[in-house]
């Protein structure tokens, strides 16, 4: 028998994927450090949490992105390893976003060496590699974005 979630899931997922496509087209990232809007960025973590909440419902105390991901995993609506990866990515994106905004403002295109060093240390701490070489900073961010994009595609749909 069909449940309410079965009836809501396909159109909700399709609508969310279509909305993300429109955002990619109409509101592209402003530069290399725009981790909110980049493919696989913070907005896709939020889309995953919100789409699954629309499909499965929201429990009290589970509204914020990380709390929602934990609750969805606890309820068996999201694999625990996927939820953990998305929570790590959300922390990472927020760390990068706040560090860049504090040091350079909203539309940073290039970071001066002091800001790069601050960002390298902050990201390294988030990733558990406090001595992350600066040369590996972008690779680490790209890897996180690929993981988020793969989860988005699996859980919501193809955004491009």
N, C-alpha and C. Protein backbone atom coordinates (compact mmCIF):
# COMPACT_ATOMS: atom_id res chain seq x y z
N UNK A 1 0.84 -1.20 0.00
CA UNK A 1 0.00 0.00 0.00
C UNK A 1 0.88 1.25 0.00
N UNK A 2 0.37 2.29 -0.60
CA UNK A 2 1.11 3.54 -0.67
C UNK A 2 0.92 4.35 0.61
N UNK A 3 1.99 4.96 1.04
CA UNK A 3 1.91 5.87 2.18
C UNK A 3 1.85 7.30 1.66
N UNK A 4 1.57 8.23 2.56
CA UNK A 4 1.58 9.64 2.17
C UNK A 4 2.95 10.04 1.63
N UNK A 5 4.03 9.53 2.24
CA UNK A 5 5.38 9.86 1.79
C UNK A 5 5.62 9.35 0.37
N UNK A 6 5.08 8.17 0.03
CA UNK A 6 5.24 7.64 -1.32
C UNK A 6 4.58 8.54 -2.36
N UNK A 7 3.45 9.10 -2.01
CA UNK A 7 2.72 9.97 -2.93
C UNK A 7 3.39 11.33 -3.10
N UNK A 8 4.04 11.82 -2.06
CA UNK A 8 4.65 13.14 -2.07
C UNK A 8 6.07 13.11 -2.63
N UNK A 9 6.78 12.00 -2.45
CA UNK A 9 8.22 11.96 -2.74
C UNK A 9 8.59 12.30 -4.18
N UNK A 10 8.03 11.65 -5.22
CA UNK A 10 8.50 11.96 -6.57
C UNK A 10 8.33 13.43 -6.97
N UNK A 11 7.14 14.02 -6.81
CA UNK A 11 7.04 15.42 -7.22
C UNK A 11 7.88 16.35 -6.35
N UNK A 12 8.00 16.05 -5.07
CA UNK A 12 8.80 16.90 -4.18
C UNK A 12 10.26 16.86 -4.60
N UNK A 13 10.77 15.68 -4.85
CA UNK A 13 12.16 15.56 -5.29
C UNK A 13 12.37 16.26 -6.63
N UNK A 14 11.48 16.03 -7.56
CA UNK A 14 11.61 16.66 -8.88
C UNK A 14 11.54 18.18 -8.77
N UNK A 15 10.65 18.68 -7.95
CA UNK A 15 10.54 20.13 -7.76
C UNK A 15 11.80 20.71 -7.13
N UNK A 16 12.37 20.01 -6.15
CA UNK A 16 13.59 20.49 -5.49
C UNK A 16 14.76 20.48 -6.47
N UNK A 17 14.89 19.42 -7.27
CA UNK A 17 15.97 19.36 -8.25
C UNK A 17 15.81 20.47 -9.29
N UNK A 18 14.58 20.73 -9.71
CA UNK A 18 14.33 21.80 -10.68
C UNK A 18 14.65 23.17 -10.07
N UNK A 19 14.32 23.36 -8.81
CA UNK A 19 14.63 24.62 -8.15
C UNK A 19 16.13 24.82 -8.07
N UNK A 20 16.87 23.76 -7.76
CA UNK A 20 18.33 23.87 -7.69
C UNK A 20 18.89 24.20 -9.07
N UNK A 21 18.35 23.59 -10.12
CA UNK A 21 18.79 23.91 -11.48
C UNK A 21 18.60 25.40 -11.78
N UNK A 22 17.44 25.93 -11.39
CA UNK A 22 17.17 27.36 -11.62
C UNK A 22 18.15 28.23 -10.84
N UNK A 23 18.45 27.84 -9.61
CA UNK A 23 19.41 28.61 -8.82
C UNK A 23 20.81 28.58 -9.44
N UNK A 24 21.21 27.42 -9.94
CA UNK A 24 22.51 27.33 -10.59
C UNK A 24 22.56 28.25 -11.81
N UNK A 25 21.45 28.34 -12.52
CA UNK A 25 21.39 29.18 -13.72
C UNK A 25 21.30 30.67 -13.36
N UNK A 26 20.41 31.00 -12.42
CA UNK A 26 20.09 32.40 -12.14
C UNK A 26 20.92 33.02 -11.02
N UNK A 27 21.50 32.22 -10.17
CA UNK A 27 22.28 32.73 -9.04
C UNK A 27 23.55 31.90 -8.90
N UNK A 28 24.46 32.02 -9.88
CA UNK A 28 25.67 31.20 -9.83
C UNK A 28 26.60 31.68 -8.71
N UNK A 29 27.57 30.86 -8.34
CA UNK A 29 28.55 31.29 -7.33
C UNK A 29 29.25 32.57 -7.79
N UNK A 30 29.56 33.43 -6.84
CA UNK A 30 30.20 34.71 -7.16
C UNK A 30 31.71 34.61 -7.29
N UNK A 31 32.27 33.50 -6.91
CA UNK A 31 33.72 33.33 -7.01
C UNK A 31 34.12 31.99 -6.43
N UNK A 32 35.41 31.72 -6.41
CA UNK A 32 35.89 30.41 -5.97
C UNK A 32 35.63 30.13 -4.49
N UNK A 33 35.37 31.15 -3.71
CA UNK A 33 35.16 30.94 -2.28
C UNK A 33 33.69 31.01 -1.90
N UNK A 34 32.80 31.05 -2.87
CA UNK A 34 31.35 31.06 -2.60
C UNK A 34 30.89 29.63 -2.38
N UNK A 35 31.11 29.14 -1.18
CA UNK A 35 30.81 27.74 -0.88
C UNK A 35 29.32 27.51 -0.62
N UNK A 36 28.55 28.55 -0.52
CA UNK A 36 27.11 28.37 -0.36
C UNK A 36 26.48 27.95 -1.69
N UNK A 37 26.82 28.67 -2.75
CA UNK A 37 26.14 28.46 -4.03
C UNK A 37 26.84 27.49 -4.97
N UNK A 38 28.08 27.11 -4.66
CA UNK A 38 28.81 26.22 -5.57
C UNK A 38 28.10 24.88 -5.68
N UNK A 39 28.24 24.19 -6.80
CA UNK A 39 27.70 22.83 -6.89
C UNK A 39 28.28 21.98 -5.75
N UNK A 40 27.40 21.31 -5.01
CA UNK A 40 27.83 20.52 -3.87
C UNK A 40 28.07 21.34 -2.62
N UNK A 41 27.68 22.61 -2.65
CA UNK A 41 27.92 23.50 -1.52
C UNK A 41 26.83 23.46 -0.47
N UNK A 42 26.87 24.46 0.39
CA UNK A 42 25.97 24.51 1.55
C UNK A 42 24.50 24.48 1.15
N UNK A 43 24.15 25.12 0.05
CA UNK A 43 22.75 25.15 -0.34
C UNK A 43 22.24 23.75 -0.67
N UNK A 44 23.11 22.89 -1.19
CA UNK A 44 22.68 21.53 -1.51
C UNK A 44 22.50 20.68 -0.25
N UNK A 45 23.31 20.93 0.77
CA UNK A 45 23.10 20.25 2.06
C UNK A 45 21.73 20.66 2.60
N UNK A 46 21.43 21.95 2.54
CA UNK A 46 20.14 22.46 3.03
C UNK A 46 18.98 21.89 2.21
N UNK A 47 19.14 21.83 0.90
CA UNK A 47 18.10 21.27 0.03
C UNK A 47 17.81 19.82 0.39
N UNK A 48 18.85 19.05 0.64
CA UNK A 48 18.66 17.63 1.01
C UNK A 48 17.84 17.55 2.28
N UNK A 49 18.25 18.27 3.31
CA UNK A 49 17.53 18.22 4.59
C UNK A 49 16.08 18.67 4.42
N UNK A 50 15.87 19.77 3.72
CA UNK A 50 14.52 20.30 3.58
C UNK A 50 13.63 19.42 2.72
N UNK A 51 14.20 18.85 1.65
CA UNK A 51 13.41 17.97 0.79
C UNK A 51 12.97 16.73 1.56
N UNK A 52 13.90 16.13 2.29
CA UNK A 52 13.53 14.94 3.06
C UNK A 52 12.54 15.27 4.17
N UNK A 53 12.64 16.46 4.74
CA UNK A 53 11.66 16.87 5.75
C UNK A 53 10.28 17.06 5.12
N UNK A 54 10.22 17.61 3.93
CA UNK A 54 8.93 17.77 3.25
C UNK A 54 8.30 16.41 2.98
N UNK A 55 9.12 15.45 2.63
CA UNK A 55 8.61 14.11 2.33
C UNK A 55 8.21 13.36 3.59
N UNK A 56 9.04 13.42 4.63
CA UNK A 56 8.84 12.57 5.79
C UNK A 56 8.29 13.29 7.02
N UNK A 57 8.19 14.60 6.97
CA UNK A 57 7.71 15.35 8.12
C UNK A 57 8.85 15.83 8.99
N UNK A 58 8.53 16.79 9.81
CA UNK A 58 9.52 17.42 10.69
C UNK A 58 9.12 17.17 12.13
N UNK A 59 10.04 16.60 12.89
CA UNK A 59 9.82 16.42 14.32
C UNK A 59 10.19 17.70 15.05
N UNK A 60 9.56 17.96 16.19
CA UNK A 60 9.97 19.12 17.00
C UNK A 60 11.46 19.01 17.35
N UNK A 61 12.14 20.14 17.27
CA UNK A 61 13.57 20.16 17.58
C UNK A 61 14.45 19.73 16.43
N UNK A 62 13.86 19.48 15.28
CA UNK A 62 14.62 18.99 14.13
C UNK A 62 14.57 19.94 12.94
N UNK A 63 14.39 21.22 13.19
CA UNK A 63 14.22 22.16 12.09
C UNK A 63 15.55 22.61 11.47
N UNK A 64 16.55 22.90 12.27
CA UNK A 64 17.83 23.37 11.74
C UNK A 64 18.48 22.27 10.91
N UNK A 65 19.30 22.65 9.97
CA UNK A 65 19.86 21.69 9.00
C UNK A 65 20.53 20.49 9.66
N UNK A 66 21.48 20.74 10.55
CA UNK A 66 22.19 19.61 11.17
C UNK A 66 21.27 18.77 12.04
N UNK A 67 20.39 19.42 12.77
CA UNK A 67 19.43 18.67 13.60
C UNK A 67 18.51 17.85 12.71
N UNK A 68 18.08 18.42 11.60
CA UNK A 68 17.21 17.69 10.68
C UNK A 68 17.90 16.45 10.14
N UNK A 69 19.16 16.60 9.76
CA UNK A 69 19.91 15.45 9.23
C UNK A 69 20.06 14.36 10.29
N UNK A 70 20.34 14.76 11.53
CA UNK A 70 20.44 13.78 12.62
C UNK A 70 19.11 13.06 12.82
N UNK A 71 18.02 13.82 12.86
CA UNK A 71 16.70 13.23 13.08
C UNK A 71 16.31 12.30 11.93
N UNK A 72 16.59 12.72 10.71
CA UNK A 72 16.27 11.87 9.56
C UNK A 72 17.05 10.55 9.63
N UNK A 73 18.30 10.61 10.07
CA UNK A 73 19.09 9.38 10.23
C UNK A 73 18.53 8.54 11.38
N UNK A 74 18.20 9.20 12.50
CA UNK A 74 17.64 8.47 13.64
C UNK A 74 16.35 7.77 13.29
N UNK A 75 15.56 8.38 12.39
CA UNK A 75 14.28 7.82 11.98
C UNK A 75 14.41 6.81 10.83
N UNK A 76 15.64 6.56 10.39
CA UNK A 76 15.85 5.61 9.30
C UNK A 76 15.49 6.16 7.93
N UNK A 77 15.39 7.47 7.80
CA UNK A 77 15.03 8.12 6.52
C UNK A 77 16.25 8.54 5.72
N UNK A 78 17.41 8.45 6.33
CA UNK A 78 18.66 8.86 5.72
C UNK A 78 19.75 7.95 6.28
N UNK A 79 20.57 7.33 5.44
CA UNK A 79 21.64 6.48 5.97
C UNK A 79 22.53 7.28 6.93
N UNK A 80 22.91 6.67 8.03
CA UNK A 80 23.70 7.35 9.06
C UNK A 80 25.02 7.88 8.52
N UNK A 81 25.69 7.12 7.64
CA UNK A 81 26.96 7.60 7.10
C UNK A 81 26.76 8.80 6.18
N UNK A 82 25.65 8.83 5.47
CA UNK A 82 25.35 9.99 4.61
C UNK A 82 25.04 11.20 5.47
N UNK A 83 24.25 11.00 6.52
CA UNK A 83 23.93 12.11 7.43
C UNK A 83 25.21 12.66 8.05
N UNK A 84 26.11 11.79 8.48
CA UNK A 84 27.37 12.23 9.09
C UNK A 84 28.20 13.03 8.09
N UNK A 85 28.28 12.57 6.85
CA UNK A 85 29.03 13.29 5.82
C UNK A 85 28.41 14.66 5.58
N UNK A 86 27.09 14.73 5.50
CA UNK A 86 26.41 16.01 5.24
C UNK A 86 26.58 16.97 6.41
N UNK A 87 26.58 16.46 7.62
CA UNK A 87 26.80 17.31 8.80
C UNK A 87 28.22 17.86 8.79
N UNK A 88 29.20 17.00 8.46
CA UNK A 88 30.59 17.47 8.35
C UNK A 88 30.71 18.54 7.26
N UNK A 89 30.06 18.29 6.13
CA UNK A 89 30.11 19.26 5.03
C UNK A 89 29.46 20.58 5.44
N UNK A 90 28.34 20.51 6.14
CA UNK A 90 27.67 21.74 6.60
C UNK A 90 28.60 22.54 7.50
N UNK A 91 29.27 21.86 8.42
CA UNK A 91 30.24 22.55 9.29
C UNK A 91 31.38 23.16 8.47
N UNK A 92 31.88 22.39 7.54
CA UNK A 92 32.97 22.86 6.70
C UNK A 92 32.56 24.09 5.90
N UNK A 93 31.40 24.03 5.24
CA UNK A 93 30.95 25.17 4.43
C UNK A 93 30.73 26.40 5.29
N UNK A 94 30.18 26.23 6.47
CA UNK A 94 29.95 27.38 7.35
C UNK A 94 31.28 27.96 7.86
N UNK A 95 32.26 27.09 8.10
CA UNK A 95 33.59 27.55 8.52
C UNK A 95 34.22 28.39 7.41
N UNK A 96 34.20 27.87 6.19
CA UNK A 96 34.79 28.59 5.07
C UNK A 96 34.04 29.91 4.84
N UNK A 97 32.72 29.83 4.82
CA UNK A 97 31.92 31.03 4.55
C UNK A 97 32.18 32.12 5.58
N UNK A 98 32.19 31.77 6.85
CA UNK A 98 32.40 32.79 7.87
C UNK A 98 33.84 33.31 7.85
N UNK A 99 34.81 32.44 7.62
CA UNK A 99 36.21 32.89 7.57
C UNK A 99 36.43 33.85 6.40
N UNK A 100 35.89 33.51 5.24
CA UNK A 100 36.05 34.37 4.07
C UNK A 100 35.33 35.69 4.28
N UNK A 101 34.12 35.64 4.80
CA UNK A 101 33.37 36.89 5.01
C UNK A 101 34.03 37.80 6.03
N UNK A 102 34.57 37.21 7.07
CA UNK A 102 35.24 38.02 8.10
C UNK A 102 36.49 38.68 7.54
N UNK A 103 37.24 37.94 6.72
CA UNK A 103 38.51 38.47 6.24
C UNK A 103 38.39 39.29 4.96
N UNK A 104 37.41 38.98 4.09
CA UNK A 104 37.37 39.62 2.78
C UNK A 104 36.01 40.17 2.36
N UNK A 105 34.95 39.87 3.07
CA UNK A 105 33.63 40.31 2.63
C UNK A 105 32.92 39.23 1.84
N UNK A 106 31.76 39.57 1.31
CA UNK A 106 30.89 38.58 0.66
C UNK A 106 31.42 38.05 -0.67
N UNK A 107 32.03 38.86 -1.48
CA UNK A 107 32.36 38.45 -2.85
C UNK A 107 33.86 38.33 -3.08
N UNK A 108 34.52 37.61 -2.22
CA UNK A 108 35.97 37.46 -2.33
C UNK A 108 36.32 36.63 -3.56
N UNK A 109 37.16 37.19 -4.40
CA UNK A 109 37.65 36.47 -5.57
C UNK A 109 38.99 35.81 -5.28
N UNK A 110 39.86 36.52 -4.61
CA UNK A 110 41.18 36.01 -4.25
C UNK A 110 41.46 36.41 -2.81
N UNK A 111 42.09 35.52 -2.09
CA UNK A 111 42.39 35.79 -0.69
C UNK A 111 43.85 36.18 -0.53
N UNK A 112 44.13 37.19 0.29
CA UNK A 112 45.53 37.50 0.57
C UNK A 112 46.15 36.37 1.40
N UNK A 113 47.46 36.28 1.43
CA UNK A 113 48.13 35.18 2.14
C UNK A 113 47.68 35.00 3.59
N UNK A 114 47.46 36.09 4.32
CA UNK A 114 47.04 35.95 5.72
C UNK A 114 45.67 35.30 5.82
N UNK A 115 44.75 35.66 4.91
CA UNK A 115 43.41 35.05 4.92
C UNK A 115 43.48 33.59 4.49
N UNK A 116 44.33 33.28 3.51
CA UNK A 116 44.50 31.88 3.09
C UNK A 116 45.02 31.04 4.25
N UNK A 117 45.96 31.59 5.01
CA UNK A 117 46.52 30.86 6.15
C UNK A 117 45.45 30.62 7.21
N UNK A 118 44.66 31.62 7.49
CA UNK A 118 43.57 31.47 8.46
C UNK A 118 42.57 30.42 7.98
N UNK A 119 42.23 30.48 6.72
CA UNK A 119 41.29 29.51 6.15
C UNK A 119 41.89 28.11 6.15
N UNK A 120 43.16 27.99 5.80
CA UNK A 120 43.83 26.69 5.81
C UNK A 120 43.77 26.05 7.19
N UNK A 121 44.05 26.86 8.22
CA UNK A 121 44.00 26.32 9.59
C UNK A 121 42.58 25.95 10.00
N UNK A 122 41.61 26.80 9.66
CA UNK A 122 40.21 26.52 10.03
C UNK A 122 39.69 25.27 9.34
N UNK A 123 39.96 25.14 8.05
CA UNK A 123 39.52 23.96 7.31
C UNK A 123 40.27 22.72 7.80
N UNK A 124 41.56 22.84 8.00
CA UNK A 124 42.33 21.71 8.52
C UNK A 124 41.79 21.21 9.84
N UNK A 125 41.42 22.14 10.71
CA UNK A 125 40.85 21.75 12.00
C UNK A 125 39.52 21.02 11.79
N UNK A 126 38.67 21.52 10.88
CA UNK A 126 37.40 20.86 10.60
C UNK A 126 37.60 19.45 10.04
N UNK A 127 38.63 19.29 9.23
CA UNK A 127 38.87 17.99 8.59
C UNK A 127 39.72 17.05 9.43
N UNK A 128 40.18 17.54 10.58
CA UNK A 128 41.01 16.70 11.44
C UNK A 128 42.44 16.61 10.98
N UNK A 129 42.85 17.53 10.11
CA UNK A 129 44.24 17.60 9.65
C UNK A 129 44.72 19.04 9.86
N UNK A 130 45.09 19.37 11.11
CA UNK A 130 45.43 20.75 11.42
C UNK A 130 46.60 21.30 10.60
N UNK A 131 47.44 20.43 10.06
CA UNK A 131 48.57 20.89 9.24
C UNK A 131 48.28 20.73 7.75
N UNK A 132 47.02 20.86 7.36
CA UNK A 132 46.63 20.75 5.96
C UNK A 132 47.45 21.73 5.13
N UNK A 133 48.22 21.24 4.16
CA UNK A 133 49.00 22.16 3.33
C UNK A 133 48.06 23.05 2.52
N UNK A 134 48.45 24.28 2.33
CA UNK A 134 47.66 25.22 1.55
C UNK A 134 47.39 24.68 0.16
N UNK A 135 48.34 23.96 -0.40
CA UNK A 135 48.17 23.40 -1.74
C UNK A 135 47.03 22.38 -1.80
N UNK A 136 46.64 21.82 -0.65
CA UNK A 136 45.57 20.82 -0.62
C UNK A 136 44.23 21.39 -0.17
N UNK A 137 44.19 22.67 0.15
CA UNK A 137 42.95 23.29 0.64
C UNK A 137 41.83 23.16 -0.38
N UNK A 138 42.06 23.61 -1.59
CA UNK A 138 41.00 23.54 -2.62
C UNK A 138 40.63 22.10 -2.94
N UNK A 139 41.61 21.20 -2.95
CA UNK A 139 41.31 19.79 -3.21
C UNK A 139 40.37 19.25 -2.14
N UNK A 140 40.61 19.62 -0.89
CA UNK A 140 39.75 19.15 0.21
C UNK A 140 38.33 19.70 0.05
N UNK A 141 38.21 20.96 -0.34
CA UNK A 141 36.89 21.55 -0.55
C UNK A 141 36.19 20.91 -1.75
N UNK A 142 36.94 20.66 -2.81
CA UNK A 142 36.36 20.02 -3.99
C UNK A 142 35.88 18.60 -3.67
N UNK A 143 36.63 17.88 -2.85
CA UNK A 143 36.23 16.52 -2.47
C UNK A 143 34.94 16.56 -1.67
N UNK A 144 34.82 17.49 -0.73
CA UNK A 144 33.58 17.62 0.05
C UNK A 144 32.41 17.96 -0.87
N UNK A 145 32.64 18.86 -1.83
CA UNK A 145 31.57 19.23 -2.76
C UNK A 145 31.13 18.04 -3.62
N UNK A 146 32.08 17.24 -4.04
CA UNK A 146 31.72 16.04 -4.83
C UNK A 146 30.86 15.08 -4.02
N UNK A 147 31.21 14.89 -2.74
CA UNK A 147 30.42 14.01 -1.88
C UNK A 147 29.00 14.54 -1.68
N UNK A 148 28.89 15.84 -1.45
CA UNK A 148 27.56 16.44 -1.27
C UNK A 148 26.76 16.33 -2.56
N UNK A 149 27.38 16.63 -3.69
CA UNK A 149 26.68 16.55 -4.97
C UNK A 149 26.19 15.13 -5.24
N UNK A 150 27.00 14.13 -4.92
CA UNK A 150 26.59 12.74 -5.11
C UNK A 150 25.38 12.42 -4.24
N UNK A 151 25.40 12.89 -3.00
CA UNK A 151 24.25 12.65 -2.11
C UNK A 151 23.02 13.38 -2.63
N UNK A 152 23.19 14.61 -3.10
CA UNK A 152 22.07 15.37 -3.64
C UNK A 152 21.44 14.62 -4.81
N UNK A 153 22.28 14.15 -5.72
CA UNK A 153 21.79 13.44 -6.90
C UNK A 153 21.04 12.18 -6.50
N UNK A 154 21.56 11.46 -5.52
CA UNK A 154 20.91 10.22 -5.06
C UNK A 154 19.60 10.50 -4.32
N UNK A 155 19.61 11.48 -3.44
CA UNK A 155 18.47 11.71 -2.53
C UNK A 155 17.42 12.66 -3.09
N UNK A 156 17.82 13.58 -3.96
CA UNK A 156 16.88 14.57 -4.48
C UNK A 156 16.69 14.42 -5.97
N UNK A 157 17.77 14.44 -6.72
CA UNK A 157 17.68 14.32 -8.17
C UNK A 157 18.87 14.98 -8.83
N UNK A 158 18.90 14.94 -10.13
CA UNK A 158 19.99 15.51 -10.90
C UNK A 158 19.76 17.01 -11.03
N UNK A 159 20.69 17.83 -10.50
CA UNK A 159 20.46 19.27 -10.52
C UNK A 159 20.89 19.96 -11.81
N UNK A 160 21.52 19.24 -12.73
CA UNK A 160 21.98 19.89 -13.96
C UNK A 160 21.44 19.16 -15.17
